[in-house]
N, C-alpha and C. Protein backbone atom coordinates (compact mmCIF):
# COMPACT_ATOMS: atom_id res chain seq x y z
N PHE A 1 77.58 170.66 152.95
CA PHE A 1 76.33 170.55 153.62
C PHE A 1 75.93 171.47 152.49
N PHE A 2 74.41 171.93 152.70
CA PHE A 2 73.60 172.32 151.74
C PHE A 2 73.26 173.43 152.74
N VAL A 3 73.52 174.59 153.26
CA VAL A 3 72.74 175.89 153.94
C VAL A 3 72.02 176.05 153.51
N SER A 4 71.28 176.69 154.28
CA SER A 4 70.17 177.24 153.80
C SER A 4 70.20 179.05 154.34
N GLN A 5 70.80 179.61 154.13
CA GLN A 5 70.52 181.45 155.04
C GLN A 5 69.60 181.88 155.11
N ASP A 6 69.06 181.80 153.93
CA ASP A 6 67.60 182.53 153.83
C ASP A 6 66.45 182.54 154.28
N GLN A 7 66.17 181.62 154.05
CA GLN A 7 64.51 181.32 154.88
C GLN A 7 64.93 179.34 155.74
N PRO A 8 66.12 178.91 157.17
CA PRO A 8 66.43 177.72 157.18
C PRO A 8 65.54 177.13 157.18
N ASN A 9 65.90 175.92 157.11
CA ASN A 9 64.49 174.63 157.90
C ASN A 9 65.10 174.31 159.12
N ARG A 10 64.59 173.24 158.99
CA ARG A 10 65.84 172.24 160.02
C ARG A 10 65.78 170.68 159.64
N PHE A 11 65.20 170.73 158.11
CA PHE A 11 65.87 169.00 158.21
C PHE A 11 66.75 169.31 157.01
N VAL A 12 66.68 169.89 155.64
CA VAL A 12 67.87 170.34 154.88
C VAL A 12 68.08 170.91 154.22
N GLY A 13 68.94 172.06 153.83
CA GLY A 13 69.24 173.29 153.70
C GLY A 13 69.02 173.71 151.71
N GLY A 14 69.08 173.95 151.22
CA GLY A 14 69.01 174.55 149.21
C GLY A 14 69.91 175.81 148.82
N THR A 15 70.35 175.76 149.46
CA THR A 15 72.20 176.31 148.98
C THR A 15 73.57 175.88 149.11
N ASN A 16 74.04 176.47 147.67
CA ASN A 16 75.33 175.65 147.21
C ASN A 16 75.74 174.90 147.08
N PHE A 17 74.84 174.26 146.18
CA PHE A 17 74.72 172.83 145.32
C PHE A 17 76.12 173.86 144.46
N PHE A 18 76.62 172.55 144.41
CA PHE A 18 77.08 171.96 143.29
C PHE A 18 78.79 174.13 142.68
N MET A 19 78.76 174.27 144.48
CA MET A 19 79.70 175.36 145.04
C MET A 19 78.89 176.36 144.10
N ASP A 20 77.80 177.11 143.96
CA ASP A 20 76.98 177.88 143.55
C ASP A 20 77.22 178.72 145.17
N GLY A 21 78.07 179.96 144.59
CA GLY A 21 78.07 181.22 145.52
C GLY A 21 79.53 180.79 146.71
N PHE A 22 80.38 180.30 145.51
CA PHE A 22 81.53 179.62 146.04
C PHE A 22 83.17 181.54 146.00
N TRP A 23 82.51 182.10 144.92
CA TRP A 23 83.23 182.73 144.45
C TRP A 23 83.19 184.11 145.31
N ASP A 24 82.16 184.05 145.23
CA ASP A 24 81.34 185.49 146.16
C ASP A 24 82.31 185.28 147.67
N ASP A 25 81.54 183.95 148.21
CA ASP A 25 82.20 183.99 149.53
C ASP A 25 83.51 182.78 149.24
N LYS A 26 84.71 183.08 149.24
CA LYS A 26 85.99 182.58 148.64
C LYS A 26 86.19 181.50 150.33
N ARG A 27 85.75 181.49 151.27
CA ARG A 27 85.92 180.91 152.70
C ARG A 27 85.73 179.77 152.75
N LYS A 28 84.59 179.37 151.67
CA LYS A 28 83.25 178.19 151.39
C LYS A 28 83.97 177.27 150.97
N TYR A 29 85.39 177.73 149.83
CA TYR A 29 86.35 176.07 149.61
C TYR A 29 86.53 175.59 150.57
N ARG A 30 87.40 175.90 151.97
CA ARG A 30 87.99 175.93 152.73
C ARG A 30 86.98 174.70 153.45
N ILE A 31 85.51 174.63 153.74
CA ILE A 31 84.43 173.75 154.25
C ILE A 31 84.52 173.47 152.87
N TRP A 32 84.46 173.70 151.68
CA TRP A 32 83.73 172.13 150.64
C TRP A 32 84.57 170.88 151.05
N LEU A 33 86.53 171.76 151.08
CA LEU A 33 87.23 170.92 151.10
C LEU A 33 87.71 169.70 152.26
N PHE A 34 87.26 170.45 153.52
CA PHE A 34 87.55 169.66 154.74
C PHE A 34 86.41 169.18 155.91
N GLN A 35 84.82 169.75 154.51
CA GLN A 35 83.83 168.03 154.46
C GLN A 35 83.65 167.52 153.77
N GLY A 36 84.49 167.65 152.25
CA GLY A 36 84.47 166.73 151.66
C GLY A 36 84.78 165.50 151.63
N THR A 37 86.25 165.67 152.55
CA THR A 37 86.80 164.65 153.06
C THR A 37 86.44 164.06 154.32
N PHE A 38 85.09 164.34 154.81
CA PHE A 38 84.11 163.72 156.53
C PHE A 38 83.69 162.73 155.33
N CYS A 39 82.76 163.20 154.11
CA CYS A 39 81.83 162.60 153.50
C CYS A 39 82.47 161.15 152.50
N ALA A 40 83.76 161.44 152.32
CA ALA A 40 84.65 160.49 151.83
C ALA A 40 84.23 159.39 152.48
N THR A 41 85.62 159.95 153.75
CA THR A 41 85.36 158.98 154.78
C THR A 41 84.69 157.96 155.12
N GLY A 42 83.72 158.92 155.32
CA GLY A 42 81.82 157.89 155.79
C GLY A 42 81.97 156.71 154.53
N GLY A 43 82.10 157.25 153.03
CA GLY A 43 82.05 156.31 152.21
C GLY A 43 82.60 155.13 152.06
N THR A 44 83.53 155.35 152.86
CA THR A 44 85.19 153.89 152.85
C THR A 44 84.63 152.93 154.16
N ILE A 45 83.77 153.46 154.90
CA ILE A 45 84.24 152.99 155.61
C ILE A 45 83.24 151.48 155.75
N VAL A 46 82.32 151.38 154.05
CA VAL A 46 81.87 149.88 154.13
C VAL A 46 82.90 149.19 153.86
N SER A 47 83.83 149.65 152.87
CA SER A 47 84.45 149.06 152.24
C SER A 47 84.95 147.59 152.76
N GLY A 48 85.46 148.01 154.46
CA GLY A 48 86.39 146.26 154.92
C GLY A 48 84.93 145.74 155.78
N ALA A 49 83.88 146.04 155.45
CA ALA A 49 82.76 145.57 156.21
C ALA A 49 82.81 144.07 155.26
N MET A 50 82.45 144.63 153.87
CA MET A 50 81.82 143.93 152.99
C MET A 50 83.17 143.34 151.96
N ALA A 51 84.37 142.93 152.39
CA ALA A 51 84.86 143.07 151.35
C ALA A 51 85.01 141.25 150.64
N GLU A 52 85.39 141.66 149.59
CA GLU A 52 85.61 140.70 148.94
C GLU A 52 84.04 139.17 148.34
N ARG A 53 82.74 140.18 148.87
CA ARG A 53 81.87 139.84 148.77
C ARG A 53 80.91 140.67 147.35
N THR A 54 81.60 141.19 147.39
CA THR A 54 80.43 143.09 146.70
C THR A 54 80.57 143.93 145.42
N LYS A 55 80.44 143.57 143.95
CA LYS A 55 81.39 143.61 143.23
C LYS A 55 81.41 145.12 143.04
N LEU A 56 82.25 145.56 142.60
CA LEU A 56 82.80 147.34 142.37
C LEU A 56 81.50 147.59 142.02
N LYS A 57 80.67 147.13 140.86
CA LYS A 57 79.39 147.80 140.78
C LYS A 57 78.49 148.56 142.02
N GLY A 58 77.93 147.18 142.41
CA GLY A 58 77.11 147.61 143.82
C GLY A 58 78.59 148.70 144.93
N PHE A 59 79.29 148.57 144.95
CA PHE A 59 80.30 149.70 145.58
C PHE A 59 79.67 150.42 145.21
N GLY A 60 80.20 151.37 144.27
CA GLY A 60 80.09 152.22 143.35
C GLY A 60 78.83 152.91 143.46
N ILE A 61 77.77 152.02 143.21
CA ILE A 61 76.43 152.70 143.58
C ILE A 61 75.89 153.13 144.39
N TYR A 62 76.47 152.49 145.94
CA TYR A 62 76.57 151.82 147.32
C TYR A 62 77.08 153.76 147.87
N THR A 63 78.00 153.89 147.66
CA THR A 63 78.83 155.10 147.52
C THR A 63 78.66 156.29 146.76
N VAL A 64 77.63 156.60 145.76
CA VAL A 64 76.97 157.15 144.74
C VAL A 64 75.74 158.04 145.73
N LEU A 65 75.29 157.17 146.44
CA LEU A 65 74.09 157.17 146.76
C LEU A 65 74.22 157.58 148.67
N LEU A 66 75.21 157.37 149.36
CA LEU A 66 75.61 157.77 150.36
C LEU A 66 76.06 159.31 150.61
N THR A 67 76.85 159.09 149.71
CA THR A 67 77.51 160.63 149.79
C THR A 67 76.80 161.58 149.29
N SER A 68 76.22 161.62 147.78
CA SER A 68 75.07 162.59 147.37
C SER A 68 73.76 162.82 147.82
N VAL A 69 73.20 161.63 148.95
CA VAL A 69 72.53 161.80 149.14
C VAL A 69 71.46 161.67 150.53
N ILE A 70 72.48 159.98 151.50
CA ILE A 70 72.49 159.85 152.75
C ILE A 70 73.17 161.07 153.17
N TYR A 71 74.63 161.30 153.37
CA TYR A 71 75.51 162.05 154.66
C TYR A 71 74.98 163.59 154.43
N PRO A 72 75.12 164.21 152.90
CA PRO A 72 73.98 165.53 153.64
C PRO A 72 73.21 165.76 153.65
N PHE A 73 72.37 164.88 154.09
CA PHE A 73 71.16 164.82 154.96
C PHE A 73 71.79 165.04 156.39
N VAL A 74 71.93 164.51 157.06
CA VAL A 74 73.49 163.99 158.35
C VAL A 74 73.88 165.05 158.58
N VAL A 75 74.59 165.17 157.50
CA VAL A 75 75.94 166.32 158.23
C VAL A 75 74.91 168.19 157.75
N TYR A 76 73.92 168.05 156.87
CA TYR A 76 73.43 169.22 157.72
C TYR A 76 72.19 169.40 158.77
N TRP A 77 71.93 168.25 160.02
CA TRP A 77 71.49 168.07 161.03
C TRP A 77 72.13 168.92 162.27
N ALA A 78 73.19 168.57 162.06
CA ALA A 78 74.52 168.81 163.29
C ALA A 78 75.26 169.16 162.67
N TRP A 79 75.95 170.08 161.89
CA TRP A 79 76.57 171.11 162.18
C TRP A 79 76.40 172.01 160.69
N SER A 80 75.53 172.03 160.49
CA SER A 80 75.40 173.38 159.45
C SER A 80 74.97 174.29 160.39
N GLY A 81 74.36 174.81 161.89
CA GLY A 81 74.18 175.28 162.97
C GLY A 81 71.89 175.64 162.86
N TYR A 82 71.65 174.72 161.02
CA TYR A 82 70.28 175.13 161.69
C TYR A 82 69.36 173.52 161.73
N GLY A 83 70.17 172.67 161.26
CA GLY A 83 69.32 171.41 161.74
C GLY A 83 69.02 171.16 162.40
N PHE A 84 67.84 170.61 162.60
CA PHE A 84 66.87 170.49 164.08
C PHE A 84 67.91 169.49 165.50
N LEU A 85 69.58 169.28 165.28
CA LEU A 85 70.37 168.14 165.95
C LEU A 85 70.96 169.54 166.94
N ASN A 86 71.51 170.35 166.17
CA ASN A 86 71.77 171.74 167.16
C ASN A 86 71.63 173.14 166.02
N TYR A 87 71.19 174.38 166.64
CA TYR A 87 70.28 175.18 165.92
C TYR A 87 70.45 176.25 167.74
N LYS A 88 70.22 177.45 166.60
CA LYS A 88 69.94 178.44 167.77
C LYS A 88 68.75 178.96 168.29
N ASN A 89 68.03 179.38 169.02
CA ASN A 89 67.08 179.32 169.20
C ASN A 89 66.83 181.38 169.41
N ALA A 90 66.23 181.78 169.64
CA ALA A 90 65.25 183.34 169.27
C ALA A 90 66.56 184.02 170.59
N GLN A 91 66.79 183.71 171.82
CA GLN A 91 67.47 184.02 172.58
C GLN A 91 69.62 183.66 171.74
N GLY A 92 69.90 182.87 170.87
CA GLY A 92 71.12 182.68 170.13
C GLY A 92 71.66 181.57 171.00
N VAL A 93 70.68 181.08 172.14
CA VAL A 93 71.04 179.61 172.51
C VAL A 93 71.09 178.08 171.90
N PRO A 94 72.09 177.73 171.53
CA PRO A 94 72.01 176.29 170.86
C PRO A 94 70.89 175.04 171.42
N GLU A 95 70.11 174.53 170.70
CA GLU A 95 69.83 173.84 171.38
C GLU A 95 69.67 172.58 170.01
N SER A 96 68.71 171.49 170.39
CA SER A 96 68.01 170.79 169.40
C SER A 96 66.45 170.41 169.99
N ILE A 97 66.15 169.41 168.95
CA ILE A 97 64.44 169.04 169.03
C ILE A 97 64.19 168.42 170.68
N VAL A 98 65.13 168.11 170.67
CA VAL A 98 65.17 166.84 172.02
C VAL A 98 65.96 167.58 173.53
N GLY A 99 65.88 169.27 172.85
CA GLY A 99 66.39 169.97 174.57
C GLY A 99 68.11 170.38 173.93
N PRO A 100 69.14 170.04 174.68
CA PRO A 100 70.85 170.17 174.58
C PRO A 100 71.00 170.23 172.99
N PRO A 101 71.60 170.53 172.86
CA PRO A 101 72.35 170.83 171.26
C PRO A 101 73.12 169.83 171.08
N PHE A 102 72.85 169.16 169.71
CA PHE A 102 73.97 167.45 169.26
C PHE A 102 75.68 168.20 169.44
N MET A 103 76.68 167.01 169.81
CA MET A 103 77.92 167.60 169.83
C MET A 103 78.53 167.13 169.51
N ASP A 104 79.49 166.98 167.66
CA ASP A 104 80.03 166.01 167.66
C ASP A 104 81.21 167.03 166.60
N PHE A 105 82.32 166.57 167.47
CA PHE A 105 83.91 167.57 167.11
C PHE A 105 84.07 167.67 165.42
N ALA A 106 84.60 166.05 165.96
CA ALA A 106 85.38 165.52 164.21
C ALA A 106 84.85 165.48 163.58
N GLY A 107 83.08 164.40 163.80
CA GLY A 107 83.12 163.02 163.37
C GLY A 107 82.71 161.77 164.40
N SER A 108 82.91 161.80 164.70
CA SER A 108 82.50 160.48 165.86
C SER A 108 81.04 159.86 165.03
N GLY A 109 80.42 160.96 165.82
CA GLY A 109 78.52 160.35 164.96
C GLY A 109 78.01 160.14 163.87
N VAL A 110 78.33 161.77 163.66
CA VAL A 110 78.10 162.14 161.85
C VAL A 110 78.82 161.28 160.51
N VAL A 111 80.03 161.05 160.81
CA VAL A 111 80.91 160.54 159.97
C VAL A 111 80.70 159.37 160.17
N HIS A 112 81.00 158.53 161.48
CA HIS A 112 81.53 156.99 161.68
C HIS A 112 79.34 156.29 161.85
N MET A 113 79.01 157.20 162.08
CA MET A 113 77.83 156.46 162.88
C MET A 113 77.12 156.11 160.95
N VAL A 114 77.46 157.15 160.09
CA VAL A 114 76.49 157.25 159.27
C VAL A 114 77.51 155.89 158.11
N GLY A 115 78.66 155.79 158.27
CA GLY A 115 79.46 155.01 157.02
C GLY A 115 79.16 153.37 158.36
N GLY A 116 79.25 153.50 159.81
CA GLY A 116 78.84 152.57 159.88
C GLY A 116 78.08 151.69 160.04
N VAL A 117 76.61 152.16 160.18
CA VAL A 117 75.14 151.95 159.75
C VAL A 117 75.80 151.23 158.23
N GLY A 118 75.57 152.33 157.86
CA GLY A 118 75.59 151.26 156.38
C GLY A 118 76.52 150.05 156.04
N ALA A 119 78.06 150.30 156.89
CA ALA A 119 78.77 148.62 157.06
C ALA A 119 77.77 147.82 157.19
N ILE A 120 76.69 147.22 158.68
CA ILE A 120 76.69 146.79 159.34
C ILE A 120 74.99 145.86 158.29
N LEU A 121 74.53 147.18 158.02
CA LEU A 121 73.25 147.14 156.78
C LEU A 121 73.60 146.18 155.89
N GLY A 122 74.77 146.72 155.43
CA GLY A 122 75.33 145.97 153.83
C GLY A 122 75.55 144.53 154.62
N SER A 123 76.72 144.38 155.41
CA SER A 123 77.03 143.05 155.60
C SER A 123 75.87 141.52 156.26
N VAL A 124 75.30 141.96 156.62
CA VAL A 124 73.86 141.31 156.59
C VAL A 124 73.20 141.62 155.50
N ILE A 125 73.34 141.91 154.44
CA ILE A 125 72.40 141.55 153.26
C ILE A 125 73.34 140.27 152.69
N VAL A 126 74.56 140.80 152.78
CA VAL A 126 75.20 140.56 151.91
C VAL A 126 75.85 139.14 152.30
N GLY A 127 75.74 139.13 154.01
CA GLY A 127 76.06 137.67 154.56
C GLY A 127 77.79 137.41 154.73
N PRO A 128 78.68 136.28 155.47
CA PRO A 128 79.02 135.70 155.62
C PRO A 128 80.57 135.76 154.76
N ARG A 129 81.81 135.75 154.82
CA ARG A 129 82.09 134.80 153.79
C ARG A 129 82.12 133.48 153.71
N VAL A 130 82.33 132.77 152.92
CA VAL A 130 81.51 131.79 152.60
C VAL A 130 82.40 131.04 153.73
N GLY A 131 81.67 129.50 154.26
CA GLY A 131 83.01 128.94 155.24
C GLY A 131 83.42 129.70 156.77
N ARG A 132 83.23 131.09 156.87
CA ARG A 132 84.04 132.03 157.86
C ARG A 132 83.22 131.42 159.54
N PHE A 133 82.72 130.99 159.20
CA PHE A 133 81.76 129.71 159.96
C PHE A 133 81.51 128.57 160.40
N GLY A 134 81.32 128.13 161.28
CA GLY A 134 81.00 126.54 161.07
C GLY A 134 81.94 125.96 160.66
N SER A 135 83.13 126.43 159.87
CA SER A 135 84.48 125.42 159.09
C SER A 135 85.13 124.80 160.16
N GLY A 136 85.43 125.09 160.90
CA GLY A 136 86.02 124.64 162.48
C GLY A 136 87.76 125.56 162.25
N ASP A 137 87.80 126.53 160.95
CA ASP A 137 88.82 126.44 161.09
C ASP A 137 88.80 127.68 160.73
N GLU A 138 89.12 128.41 162.27
CA GLU A 138 89.07 129.69 162.19
C GLU A 138 90.46 130.39 161.57
N ASP A 139 91.43 129.43 161.43
CA ASP A 139 92.57 130.36 161.24
C ASP A 139 93.26 129.88 159.79
N GLU A 140 92.19 130.24 158.95
CA GLU A 140 92.02 130.00 158.05
C GLU A 140 91.71 131.49 157.05
N PHE A 141 90.92 132.19 158.29
CA PHE A 141 90.72 133.52 158.04
C PHE A 141 91.28 134.85 159.05
N ALA A 142 92.09 134.19 159.25
CA ALA A 142 93.35 135.18 159.78
C ALA A 142 93.71 135.98 159.49
N ALA A 143 94.46 136.91 159.44
CA ALA A 143 94.66 138.24 158.97
C ALA A 143 96.96 137.17 158.80
N HIS A 144 96.97 137.14 157.51
CA HIS A 144 97.85 137.31 156.82
C HIS A 144 99.38 137.15 156.94
N SER A 145 98.84 139.24 157.22
CA SER A 145 99.88 139.86 156.64
C SER A 145 100.23 141.10 157.93
N VAL A 146 101.20 140.89 158.92
CA VAL A 146 100.80 142.00 159.81
C VAL A 146 101.17 143.17 159.71
N PRO A 147 102.77 143.10 158.92
CA PRO A 147 103.72 143.88 158.05
C PRO A 147 102.75 145.25 157.98
N PHE A 148 101.32 144.94 156.82
CA PHE A 148 100.09 145.58 155.95
C PHE A 148 99.66 145.56 156.88
N CYS A 149 99.15 145.46 158.40
CA CYS A 149 97.94 145.35 159.25
C CYS A 149 98.30 146.74 160.16
N VAL A 150 100.15 146.41 160.31
CA VAL A 150 100.74 147.69 161.10
C VAL A 150 101.07 148.55 159.98
N LEU A 151 101.65 148.72 158.47
CA LEU A 151 101.51 150.38 158.06
C LEU A 151 99.86 150.66 157.97
N GLY A 152 99.11 149.87 157.31
CA GLY A 152 97.87 150.34 157.48
C GLY A 152 97.24 151.69 158.37
N THR A 153 97.29 150.84 159.83
CA THR A 153 97.26 151.42 160.92
C THR A 153 98.43 152.74 160.83
N PHE A 154 99.54 152.60 160.88
CA PHE A 154 100.40 154.06 161.06
C PHE A 154 99.42 155.56 159.68
N PHE A 155 98.83 154.88 158.85
CA PHE A 155 98.60 156.21 157.49
C PHE A 155 97.36 156.47 158.75
N LEU A 156 96.60 155.48 159.01
CA LEU A 156 95.26 156.23 159.46
C LEU A 156 95.64 157.13 160.76
N PHE A 157 96.09 156.15 161.80
CA PHE A 157 96.93 157.61 162.91
C PHE A 157 96.54 158.49 162.31
N PHE A 158 98.08 158.63 161.73
CA PHE A 158 98.28 159.82 161.22
C PHE A 158 97.45 161.21 159.97
N GLY A 159 96.70 160.29 159.63
CA GLY A 159 95.79 161.48 159.32
C GLY A 159 94.67 161.35 160.02
N TRP A 160 94.65 161.00 161.05
CA TRP A 160 93.59 161.70 162.36
C TRP A 160 93.94 162.58 163.31
N TYR A 161 95.50 163.01 162.69
CA TYR A 161 96.47 164.27 162.98
C TYR A 161 95.28 165.45 162.14
N GLY A 162 94.82 164.51 161.25
CA GLY A 162 94.29 165.76 160.39
C GLY A 162 92.79 166.19 159.98
N PHE A 163 92.38 165.62 160.51
CA PHE A 163 90.54 165.13 160.84
C PHE A 163 90.34 166.08 161.96
N ASN A 164 91.35 165.35 163.85
CA ASN A 164 90.51 165.93 164.95
C ASN A 164 91.06 167.47 164.68
N PRO A 165 92.76 167.83 165.12
CA PRO A 165 93.40 168.87 165.41
C PRO A 165 92.33 170.23 164.09
N GLY A 166 92.43 169.68 163.12
CA GLY A 166 91.66 169.88 162.02
C GLY A 166 90.60 170.90 162.61
N SER A 167 89.39 170.47 163.25
CA SER A 167 88.28 170.31 163.13
C SER A 167 88.09 171.74 163.57
N THR A 168 89.02 172.33 164.37
CA THR A 168 89.46 173.52 165.00
C THR A 168 88.38 174.56 164.13
N GLY A 169 89.18 173.92 162.62
CA GLY A 169 88.45 175.00 161.60
C GLY A 169 89.95 176.35 160.83
N GLN A 170 90.65 176.22 162.38
CA GLN A 170 90.84 177.78 162.29
C GLN A 170 92.65 177.62 163.07
N LEU A 171 93.78 178.09 163.16
CA LEU A 171 94.41 178.50 164.40
C LEU A 171 94.93 179.62 163.95
N HIS A 172 94.44 180.54 163.67
CA HIS A 172 94.63 181.86 163.58
C HIS A 172 94.72 182.52 164.91
N ASP A 173 94.46 181.92 166.36
CA ASP A 173 95.07 182.61 167.57
C ASP A 173 95.87 181.89 168.60
N VAL A 174 95.94 181.81 169.70
CA VAL A 174 96.04 180.93 171.20
C VAL A 174 95.13 180.45 171.56
N LYS A 175 94.12 180.13 171.76
CA LYS A 175 92.90 179.73 172.10
C LYS A 175 92.74 178.61 171.19
N ASN A 176 92.51 178.87 169.75
CA ASN A 176 92.11 178.01 168.73
C ASN A 176 94.12 176.74 168.38
N ALA A 177 94.72 177.25 169.24
CA ALA A 177 95.17 176.74 168.87
C ALA A 177 96.48 175.72 170.17
N HIS A 178 95.61 176.16 170.98
CA HIS A 178 95.48 175.54 172.21
C HIS A 178 94.69 174.17 172.09
N THR A 179 93.64 174.54 172.03
CA THR A 179 92.17 173.85 171.71
C THR A 179 92.70 172.85 170.96
N ALA A 180 93.34 172.67 169.56
CA ALA A 180 94.14 171.60 168.39
C ALA A 180 94.95 170.67 169.10
N ALA A 181 95.19 171.83 169.93
CA ALA A 181 97.27 170.21 170.68
C ALA A 181 96.44 169.93 171.22
N LEU A 182 95.59 170.68 172.56
CA LEU A 182 94.83 169.05 173.07
C LEU A 182 94.05 168.33 172.34
N VAL A 183 93.36 168.91 171.62
CA VAL A 183 92.97 167.35 170.22
C VAL A 183 93.92 166.32 169.72
N ALA A 184 94.75 167.23 169.55
CA ALA A 184 96.28 166.02 169.75
C ALA A 184 96.86 165.20 170.21
N VAL A 185 96.65 166.10 171.22
CA VAL A 185 96.99 164.67 172.47
C VAL A 185 96.36 163.63 172.88
N ASN A 186 94.67 164.29 172.79
CA ASN A 186 93.22 163.25 173.20
C ASN A 186 93.53 162.15 172.32
N SER A 187 94.02 162.17 170.59
CA SER A 187 93.86 161.81 169.59
C SER A 187 95.28 160.46 169.85
N THR A 188 96.29 161.06 171.07
CA THR A 188 97.58 160.31 170.47
C THR A 188 97.35 159.43 171.87
N ILE A 189 96.79 159.11 173.30
CA ILE A 189 97.29 159.53 174.36
C ILE A 189 95.99 158.11 173.74
N SER A 190 94.39 158.10 173.81
CA SER A 190 93.39 157.98 173.48
C SER A 190 93.33 155.78 172.91
N PRO A 191 94.06 155.72 171.95
CA PRO A 191 93.95 155.24 170.40
C PRO A 191 94.99 154.00 171.19
N CYS A 192 96.24 154.48 171.65
CA CYS A 192 97.42 154.25 172.12
C CYS A 192 96.49 153.33 173.71
N ILE A 193 95.96 153.74 174.24
CA ILE A 193 95.62 153.62 175.50
C ILE A 193 94.50 152.10 175.58
N SER A 194 93.69 152.51 174.35
CA SER A 194 92.44 151.33 173.75
C SER A 194 93.60 149.86 173.58
N GLY A 195 94.40 150.67 172.20
CA GLY A 195 94.77 149.52 171.43
C GLY A 195 96.21 147.81 172.90
N LEU A 196 96.58 149.18 174.02
CA LEU A 196 97.13 148.17 175.22
C LEU A 196 96.13 147.62 175.52
N VAL A 197 94.90 147.97 175.62
CA VAL A 197 94.07 147.20 176.64
C VAL A 197 93.67 146.05 175.84
N VAL A 198 93.39 146.18 174.09
CA VAL A 198 93.06 144.56 174.14
C VAL A 198 94.24 143.85 173.71
N PHE A 199 95.15 144.43 173.80
CA PHE A 199 97.11 143.66 173.68
C PHE A 199 97.02 143.07 174.65
N PHE A 200 96.53 143.53 175.60
CA PHE A 200 96.69 142.51 176.87
C PHE A 200 95.39 141.60 177.54
N LEU A 201 94.03 142.30 177.05
CA LEU A 201 93.27 140.73 176.63
C LEU A 201 93.36 139.37 176.49
N ARG A 202 93.56 140.25 175.08
CA ARG A 202 94.22 139.11 173.50
C ARG A 202 95.47 138.55 174.24
N ALA A 203 96.29 138.41 175.30
CA ALA A 203 97.40 137.87 175.56
C ALA A 203 97.39 137.36 176.87
N ARG A 204 96.02 137.22 177.70
CA ARG A 204 96.12 136.77 178.87
C ARG A 204 94.51 136.25 179.39
N VAL A 205 93.65 137.29 179.21
CA VAL A 205 92.65 136.90 179.21
C VAL A 205 91.30 136.19 177.78
N LEU A 206 91.45 136.70 176.58
CA LEU A 206 90.56 136.14 175.48
C LEU A 206 91.12 134.98 174.41
N TYR A 207 90.85 134.87 174.19
CA TYR A 207 91.25 133.49 173.24
C TYR A 207 91.90 134.14 171.96
N PRO A 208 93.31 134.03 171.34
CA PRO A 208 93.89 132.85 171.22
C PRO A 208 95.71 133.22 172.48
N LYS A 209 95.39 133.97 173.60
CA LYS A 209 95.76 134.13 174.63
C LYS A 209 97.34 133.78 173.96
N ARG A 210 97.45 135.32 173.23
CA ARG A 210 99.17 135.51 172.62
C ARG A 210 99.36 137.04 172.42
N LEU A 211 100.90 137.45 171.95
CA LEU A 211 100.92 139.05 171.91
C LEU A 211 100.03 138.52 170.13
N ASP A 212 98.78 139.28 170.57
CA ASP A 212 98.01 139.72 168.92
C ASP A 212 98.56 140.78 168.77
N VAL A 213 100.01 141.36 168.11
CA VAL A 213 99.73 142.44 167.06
C VAL A 213 98.31 143.24 166.37
N CYS A 214 97.30 142.50 165.40
CA CYS A 214 96.38 142.57 165.35
C CYS A 214 95.70 143.01 165.72
N GLY A 215 95.51 142.75 166.64
CA GLY A 215 94.60 143.05 167.67
C GLY A 215 94.57 143.88 168.55
N PHE A 216 95.95 144.49 168.62
CA PHE A 216 96.68 146.04 169.40
C PHE A 216 96.29 146.52 168.65
N CYS A 217 96.76 146.71 166.89
CA CYS A 217 96.26 147.70 166.06
C CYS A 217 94.25 147.70 165.52
N ASN A 218 93.68 146.95 166.34
CA ASN A 218 92.03 146.99 166.47
C ASN A 218 91.92 147.27 167.34
N GLY A 219 92.19 147.30 168.53
CA GLY A 219 92.43 148.47 169.38
C GLY A 219 92.00 149.97 169.17
N ILE A 220 93.67 149.98 168.64
CA ILE A 220 93.81 151.53 168.32
C ILE A 220 93.03 152.17 167.19
N LEU A 221 92.70 151.33 166.65
CA LEU A 221 91.09 151.51 165.49
C LEU A 221 90.55 152.34 166.00
N ALA A 222 89.45 151.22 167.18
CA ALA A 222 88.55 151.11 167.64
C ALA A 222 88.28 152.98 168.46
């Protein structure tokens, strides 16, 4: 994100463009790589929402605009320490323009909300797949490869252990190591419980009332 250290404002920063000044402060390379991964994640969220209904050219334009224009503004507001969602007042106490500071440890709001809003707007614009609703044959659009669905879930699950514990930013002392361990435990228990809840609901309460492995995977991801 664009950090403005000399005369910071609450809307957008004005430094660090194209890695300017990184050689003088090499800690910024670490921040660039980690934040760049978050930025790319926000850009990929829309792909599933508009799958098979968007040309590659359109998706490429969207990705460039989101990652180079929209996302840097949002991440500056929340994570730079100067944006209007989280900054320090004259007494050095974190706050925001509405009072308490915005807290987002690993991107649930900054990354996934930005990508999610882009995804829902894209879905509204392009519409559903032809015949997806009203055709009378819902099974025609059912997931056709359960093993791939499970494999993809494992890939994402594994990646969370880099995103979430890694968001501590450092592991050089016991306190940060314990924080990362707690985050890793939460990142394990929470999706497992949510997956089991969805699995039970699909088996006993909701249609089709059967053991739905793909539903279990969606519960984990949610």
